[in-house]
Amino acid sequence: MKINSFHDLYIEQLRDLYDAEQQLIKALPKMAEASTSNELRQGFEHHLQHTRGHAERLETIFEGLGQKAKGEKCKGMDGLIKEGSEFLDEDLNESVRDAALIAAAQRVEHYEIAGYGTARTFANLLGEQEAASLLQQTLQEEKETDTKLNQLAEAINVEAEKSTEELAQAGAKPRAATRRKPAA
């Protein structure tokens, strides 16, 4: 899409967010499956439900604008997901993997917080009050998810560090990250 106006830029931002949400809908089940912490797994599963709702809100906004809910690939989200998925194939201590998944998820949340904050501000400037309200709802949910991830990290990061320390005290070297062989 060629951007010729502030309104075009707004549409482009919405399309970027929509594609980001579609990518997350595919990635979150994998992250949940890789989690060893029940709380973290449930958090990813719960956020998947929210993510579907975020995509639906964006579809509502596109409908109100007379636009199709599609766009070019969100390269930022693509990179964040690829970076985070590297941990899925690593042979890591369980709590260390969970800590890595939280770190990746928090990067995703911060990216989304920035994107939704920008789109909401654009909507307000363009007088799109209903869209601004929907975007604010999603922004708030993304912030709440980040807070929950922080809370989970407080326990899981300590557990990850402790398990690594216990291995060192027992004379075992902490496992270096190695690629797991794909299942046949």
C-alpha atoms as a PDB file:
ATOM      1  CA  MET A   1       0.000   0.000   0.000  1.00  0.00           C
ATOM      2  CA  LYS A   2       1.335   3.368  -0.976  1.00  0.00           C
ATOM      3  CA  ILE A   3       1.133   5.873   1.870  1.00  0.00           C
ATOM      4  CA  ASN A   4      -0.006   9.284   0.682  1.00  0.00           C
ATOM      5  CA  SER A   5      -1.661  10.615   3.816  1.00  0.00           C
ATOM      6  CA  PHE A   6      -1.877  10.292   7.572  1.00  0.00           C
ATOM      7  CA  HIS A   7      -5.046   8.220   7.071  1.00  0.00           C
ATOM      8  CA  ASP A   8      -3.096   5.824   4.807  1.00  0.00           C
ATOM      9  CA  LEU A   9      -0.444   5.547   7.515  1.00  0.00           C
ATOM     10  CA  TYR A  10      -3.170   4.694  10.038  1.00  0.00           C
ATOM     11  CA  ILE A  11      -4.523   1.935   7.770  1.00  0.00           C
ATOM     12  CA  GLU A  12      -0.996   0.588   7.304  1.00  0.00           C
ATOM     13  CA  GLN A  13      -0.509   0.489  11.092  1.00  0.00           C
ATOM     14  CA  LEU A  14      -3.772  -1.417  11.506  1.00  0.00           C
ATOM     15  CA  ARG A  15      -2.763  -3.917   8.819  1.00  0.00           C
ATOM     16  CA  ASP A  16       0.579  -4.420  10.500  1.00  0.00           C
ATOM     17  CA  LEU A  17      -1.160  -5.112  13.816  1.00  0.00           C
ATOM     18  CA  TYR A  18      -3.624  -7.473  12.177  1.00  0.00           C
ATOM     19  CA  ASP A  19      -0.884  -9.542  10.588  1.00  0.00           C
ATOM     20  CA  ALA A  20       1.023  -9.533  13.894  1.00  0.00           C
ATOM     21  CA  GLU A  21      -2.034 -10.947  15.660  1.00  0.00           C
ATOM     22  CA  GLN A  22      -2.462 -13.613  12.961  1.00  0.00           C
ATOM     23  CA  GLN A  23       1.159 -14.668  13.439  1.00  0.00           C
ATOM     24  CA  LEU A  24       0.640 -14.869  17.205  1.00  0.00           C
ATOM     25  CA  ILE A  25      -2.469 -17.017  16.782  1.00  0.00           C
ATOM     26  CA  LYS A  26      -0.163 -19.567  15.123  1.00  0.00           C
ATOM     27  CA  ALA A  27       2.776 -19.152  17.548  1.00  0.00           C
ATOM     28  CA  LEU A  28       1.037 -19.160  20.939  1.00  0.00           C
ATOM     29  CA  PRO A  29      -0.044 -22.827  20.861  1.00  0.00           C
ATOM     30  CA  LYS A  30       3.592 -23.824  20.218  1.00  0.00           C
ATOM     31  CA  MET A  31       4.757 -21.671  23.103  1.00  0.00           C
ATOM     32  CA  ALA A  32       2.109 -23.179  25.383  1.00  0.00           C
ATOM     33  CA  GLU A  33       3.135 -26.689  24.377  1.00  0.00           C
ATOM     34  CA  ALA A  34       6.811 -25.937  25.072  1.00  0.00           C
ATOM     35  CA  SER A  35       6.064 -24.542  28.543  1.00  0.00           C
ATOM     36  CA  THR A  36       6.750 -26.802  31.489  1.00  0.00           C
ATOM     37  CA  SER A  37       5.155 -24.465  34.025  1.00  0.00           C
ATOM     38  CA  ASN A  38       1.405 -25.062  34.222  1.00  0.00           C
ATOM     39  CA  GLU A  39       0.849 -21.394  35.038  1.00  0.00           C
ATOM     40  CA  LEU A  40       2.862 -20.276  32.018  1.00  0.00           C
ATOM     41  CA  ARG A  41       1.095 -22.767  29.732  1.00  0.00           C
ATOM     42  CA  GLN A  42      -2.289 -21.571  30.963  1.00  0.00           C
ATOM     43  CA  GLY A  43      -1.157 -17.968  30.493  1.00  0.00           C
ATOM     44  CA  PHE A  44      -0.243 -18.625  26.851  1.00  0.00           C
ATOM     45  CA  GLU A  45      -3.548 -20.430  26.276  1.00  0.00           C
ATOM     46  CA  HIS A  46      -5.492 -17.575  27.880  1.00  0.00           C
ATOM     47  CA  HIS A  47      -3.601 -15.016  25.816  1.00  0.00           C
ATOM     48  CA  LEU A  48      -4.420 -16.985  22.667  1.00  0.00           C
ATOM     49  CA  GLN A  49      -8.109 -16.355  23.400  1.00  0.00           C
ATOM     50  CA  HIS A  50      -7.386 -12.651  23.882  1.00  0.00           C
ATOM     51  CA  THR A  51      -5.330 -12.574  20.692  1.00  0.00           C
ATOM     52  CA  ARG A  52      -8.246 -13.944  18.695  1.00  0.00           C
ATOM     53  CA  GLY A  53     -10.387 -11.194  20.207  1.00  0.00           C
ATOM     54  CA  HIS A  54      -7.764  -8.590  19.267  1.00  0.00           C
ATOM     55  CA  ALA A  55      -7.902  -9.772  15.658  1.00  0.00           C
ATOM     56  CA  GLU A  56     -11.711  -9.580  15.728  1.00  0.00           C
ATOM     57  CA  ARG A  57     -11.578  -6.006  17.044  1.00  0.00           C
ATOM     58  CA  LEU A  58      -9.249  -5.068  14.205  1.00  0.00           C
ATOM     59  CA  GLU A  59     -11.650  -6.697  11.731  1.00  0.00           C
ATOM     60  CA  THR A  60     -14.432  -4.535  13.195  1.00  0.00           C
ATOM     61  CA  ILE A  61     -12.290  -1.426  12.727  1.00  0.00           C
ATOM     62  CA  PHE A  62     -11.479  -2.377   9.119  1.00  0.00           C
ATOM     63  CA  GLU A  63     -15.160  -2.980   8.451  1.00  0.00           C
ATOM     64  CA  GLY A  64     -15.986   0.489   9.791  1.00  0.00           C
ATOM     65  CA  LEU A  65     -13.361   1.970   7.488  1.00  0.00           C
ATOM     66  CA  GLY A  66     -14.589   0.021   4.464  1.00  0.00           C
ATOM     67  CA  GLN A  67     -11.240  -1.771   4.255  1.00  0.00           C
ATOM     68  CA  LYS A  68     -10.232  -5.422   4.034  1.00  0.00           C
ATOM     69  CA  ALA A  69      -8.518  -6.844   7.101  1.00  0.00           C
ATOM     70  CA  LYS A  70      -5.285  -7.852   5.460  1.00  0.00           C
ATOM     71  CA  GLY A  71      -1.933  -6.434   4.752  1.00  0.00           C
ATOM     72  CA  GLU A  72       1.695  -7.154   4.244  1.00  0.00           C
ATOM     73  CA  LYS A  73       3.626  -9.369   6.614  1.00  0.00           C
ATOM     74  CA  CYS A  74       4.531  -7.711   9.900  1.00  0.00           C
ATOM     75  CA  LYS A  75       8.297  -8.110   9.752  1.00  0.00           C
ATOM     76  CA  GLY A  76       8.768  -6.985  13.348  1.00  0.00           C
ATOM     77  CA  MET A  77       6.504  -9.702  14.741  1.00  0.00           C
ATOM     78  CA  ASP A  78       7.969 -12.227  12.330  1.00  0.00           C
ATOM     79  CA  GLY A  79      11.435 -11.514  13.725  1.00  0.00           C
ATOM     80  CA  LEU A  80      10.295 -11.641  17.334  1.00  0.00           C
ATOM     81  CA  ILE A  81       8.549 -14.972  16.801  1.00  0.00           C
ATOM     82  CA  LYS A  82      11.533 -16.455  14.958  1.00  0.00           C
ATOM     83  CA  GLU A  83      13.874 -15.322  17.711  1.00  0.00           C
ATOM     84  CA  GLY A  84      11.618 -16.708  20.428  1.00  0.00           C
ATOM     85  CA  SER A  85      11.035 -19.996  18.629  1.00  0.00           C
ATOM     86  CA  GLU A  86      14.775 -20.725  18.668  1.00  0.00           C
ATOM     87  CA  PHE A  87      14.305 -21.775  22.290  1.00  0.00           C
ATOM     88  CA  LEU A  88      11.701 -24.361  21.325  1.00  0.00           C
ATOM     89  CA  ASP A  89      14.356 -26.522  19.679  1.00  0.00           C
ATOM     90  CA  GLU A  90      17.022 -26.077  22.334  1.00  0.00           C
ATOM     91  CA  ASP A  91      17.898 -28.804  24.833  1.00  0.00           C
ATOM     92  CA  LEU A  92      17.456 -26.581  27.879  1.00  0.00           C
ATOM     93  CA  ASN A  93      16.698 -27.123  31.530  1.00  0.00           C
ATOM     94  CA  GLU A  94      12.897 -26.859  31.861  1.00  0.00           C
ATOM     95  CA  SER A  95      12.842 -23.745  34.030  1.00  0.00           C
ATOM     96  CA  VAL A  96      15.482 -22.081  31.838  1.00  0.00           C
ATOM     97  CA  ARG A  97      13.297 -22.782  28.762  1.00  0.00           C
ATOM     98  CA  ASP A  98      10.289 -21.286  30.558  1.00  0.00           C
ATOM     99  CA  ALA A  99      12.351 -18.201  31.461  1.00  0.00           C
ATOM    100  CA  ALA A 100      13.396 -17.895  27.792  1.00  0.00           C
ATOM    101  CA  LEU A 101       9.771 -18.208  26.656  1.00  0.00           C
ATOM    102  CA  ILE A 102       8.743 -15.455  29.074  1.00  0.00           C
ATOM    103  CA  ALA A 103      11.532 -13.202  27.791  1.00  0.00           C
ATOM    104  CA  ALA A 104      10.390 -13.776  24.197  1.00  0.00           C
ATOM    105  CA  ALA A 105       6.741 -13.200  25.132  1.00  0.00           C
ATOM    106  CA  GLN A 106       7.571  -9.943  26.884  1.00  0.00           C
ATOM    107  CA  ARG A 107       9.350  -8.661  23.793  1.00  0.00           C
ATOM    108  CA  VAL A 108       6.207  -9.481  21.807  1.00  0.00           C
ATOM    109  CA  GLU A 109       3.994  -7.701  24.355  1.00  0.00           C
ATOM    110  CA  HIS A 110       6.133  -4.566  24.310  1.00  0.00           C
ATOM    111  CA  TYR A 111       6.027  -4.533  20.510  1.00  0.00           C
ATOM    112  CA  GLU A 112       2.240  -4.827  20.604  1.00  0.00           C
ATOM    113  CA  ILE A 113       1.918  -2.173  23.303  1.00  0.00           C
ATOM    114  CA  ALA A 114       3.869   0.241  21.103  1.00  0.00           C
ATOM    115  CA  GLY A 115       1.800  -0.640  18.029  1.00  0.00           C
ATOM    116  CA  TYR A 116      -1.580  -0.376  19.707  1.00  0.00           C
ATOM    117  CA  GLY A 117      -0.632   2.861  21.455  1.00  0.00           C
ATOM    118  CA  THR A 118       0.355   4.375  18.122  1.00  0.00           C
ATOM    119  CA  ALA A 119      -2.773   3.167  16.312  1.00  0.00           C
ATOM    120  CA  ARG A 120      -5.011   4.428  19.130  1.00  0.00           C
ATOM    121  CA  THR A 121      -3.379   7.855  18.982  1.00  0.00           C
ATOM    122  CA  PHE A 122      -3.811   7.950  15.195  1.00  0.00           C
ATOM    123  CA  ALA A 123      -7.479   6.952  15.542  1.00  0.00           C
ATOM    124  CA  ASN A 124      -8.054   9.751  18.062  1.00  0.00           C
ATOM    125  CA  LEU A 125      -6.409  12.315  15.770  1.00  0.00           C
ATOM    126  CA  LEU A 126      -8.552  11.143  12.857  1.00  0.00           C
ATOM    127  CA  GLY A 127     -11.745  11.368  14.906  1.00  0.00           C
ATOM    128  CA  GLU A 128     -12.250   7.596  14.813  1.00  0.00           C
ATOM    129  CA  GLN A 129     -13.602   7.379  18.376  1.00  0.00           C
ATOM    130  CA  GLU A 130     -15.077   3.870  18.154  1.00  0.00           C
ATOM    131  CA  ALA A 131     -11.824   2.530  16.715  1.00  0.00           C
ATOM    132  CA  ALA A 132      -9.814   4.403  19.352  1.00  0.00           C
ATOM    133  CA  SER A 133     -11.938   2.792  22.054  1.00  0.00           C
ATOM    134  CA  LEU A 134     -11.420  -0.705  20.618  1.00  0.00           C
ATOM    135  CA  LEU A 135      -7.690  -0.105  20.272  1.00  0.00           C
ATOM    136  CA  GLN A 136      -7.522   1.173  23.866  1.00  0.00           C
ATOM    137  CA  GLN A 137      -9.247  -2.017  25.054  1.00  0.00           C
ATOM    138  CA  THR A 138      -6.634  -4.145  23.323  1.00  0.00           C
ATOM    139  CA  LEU A 139      -3.816  -1.909  24.569  1.00  0.00           C
ATOM    140  CA  GLN A 140      -5.030  -2.402  28.133  1.00  0.00           C
ATOM    141  CA  GLU A 141      -5.178  -6.181  27.695  1.00  0.00           C
ATOM    142  CA  GLU A 142      -1.636  -6.218  26.294  1.00  0.00           C
ATOM    143  CA  LYS A 143      -0.414  -4.256  29.320  1.00  0.00           C
ATOM    144  CA  GLU A 144      -2.208  -6.693  31.653  1.00  0.00           C
ATOM    145  CA  THR A 145      -0.542  -9.628  29.895  1.00  0.00           C
ATOM    146  CA  ASP A 146       2.849  -7.983  30.324  1.00  0.00           C
ATOM    147  CA  THR A 147       2.148  -7.541  34.051  1.00  0.00           C
ATOM    148  CA  LYS A 148       1.195 -11.236  34.336  1.00  0.00           C
ATOM    149  CA  LEU A 149       4.380 -12.227  32.520  1.00  0.00           C
ATOM    150  CA  ASN A 150       6.385 -10.099  34.973  1.00  0.00           C
ATOM    151  CA  GLN A 151       4.736 -11.904  37.876  1.00  0.00           C
ATOM    152  CA  LEU A 152       5.444 -15.324  36.372  1.00  0.00           C
ATOM    153  CA  ALA A 153       9.017 -14.312  35.632  1.00  0.00           C
ATOM    154  CA  GLU A 154       9.645 -13.430  39.263  1.00  0.00           C
ATOM    155  CA  ALA A 155       9.193 -17.073  40.271  1.00  0.00           C
ATOM    156  CA  ILE A 156      10.361 -18.853  37.109  1.00  0.00           C
ATOM    157  CA  ASN A 157      13.554 -16.802  36.681  1.00  0.00           C
ATOM    158  CA  VAL A 158      14.544 -17.551  40.285  1.00  0.00           C
ATOM    159  CA  GLU A 159      13.835 -21.238  39.690  1.00  0.00           C
ATOM    160  CA  ALA A 160      15.914 -21.198  36.477  1.00  0.00           C
ATOM    161  CA  GLU A 161      18.843 -19.525  38.207  1.00  0.00           C
ATOM    162  CA  LYS A 162      18.591 -21.852  41.207  1.00  0.00           C
ATOM    163  CA  SER A 163      18.534 -24.993  39.062  1.00  0.00           C
ATOM    164  CA  THR A 164      21.608 -23.806  37.169  1.00  0.00           C
ATOM    165  CA  GLU A 165      23.355 -22.994  40.454  1.00  0.00           C
ATOM    166  CA  GLU A 166      22.477 -26.422  41.901  1.00  0.00           C
ATOM    167  CA  LEU A 167      23.986 -28.125  38.857  1.00  0.00           C
ATOM    168  CA  ALA A 168      27.158 -26.103  39.287  1.00  0.00           C
ATOM    169  CA  GLN A 169      27.392 -26.986  43.005  1.00  0.00           C
ATOM    170  CA  ALA A 170      26.916 -30.656  42.208  1.00  0.00           C
ATOM    171  CA  GLY A 171      29.900 -30.410  39.888  1.00  0.00           C
ATOM    172  CA  ALA A 172      27.850 -30.777  36.753  1.00  0.00           C
ATOM    173  CA  LYS A 173      28.224 -28.242  34.040  1.00  0.00           C
ATOM    174  CA  PRO A 174      25.000 -26.467  33.119  1.00  0.00           C
ATOM    175  CA  ARG A 175      23.863 -27.800  29.780  1.00  0.00           C
ATOM    176  CA  ALA A 176      24.839 -25.653  26.904  1.00  0.00           C
ATOM    177  CA  ALA A 177      22.043 -24.950  24.503  1.00  0.00           C
ATOM    178  CA  THR A 178      22.065 -27.604  21.807  1.00  0.00           C
ATOM    179  CA  ARG A 179      19.605 -28.254  19.065  1.00  0.00           C
ATOM    180  CA  ARG A 180      17.303 -31.192  19.646  1.00  0.00           C
ATOM    181  CA  LYS A 181      16.968 -33.580  16.775  1.00  0.00           C
ATOM    182  CA  PRO A 182      13.558 -33.354  15.143  1.00  0.00           C
ATOM    183  CA  ALA A 183      11.259 -36.265  15.894  1.00  0.00           C
ATOM    184  CA  ALA A 184      11.160 -38.834  13.125  1.00  0.00           C
END
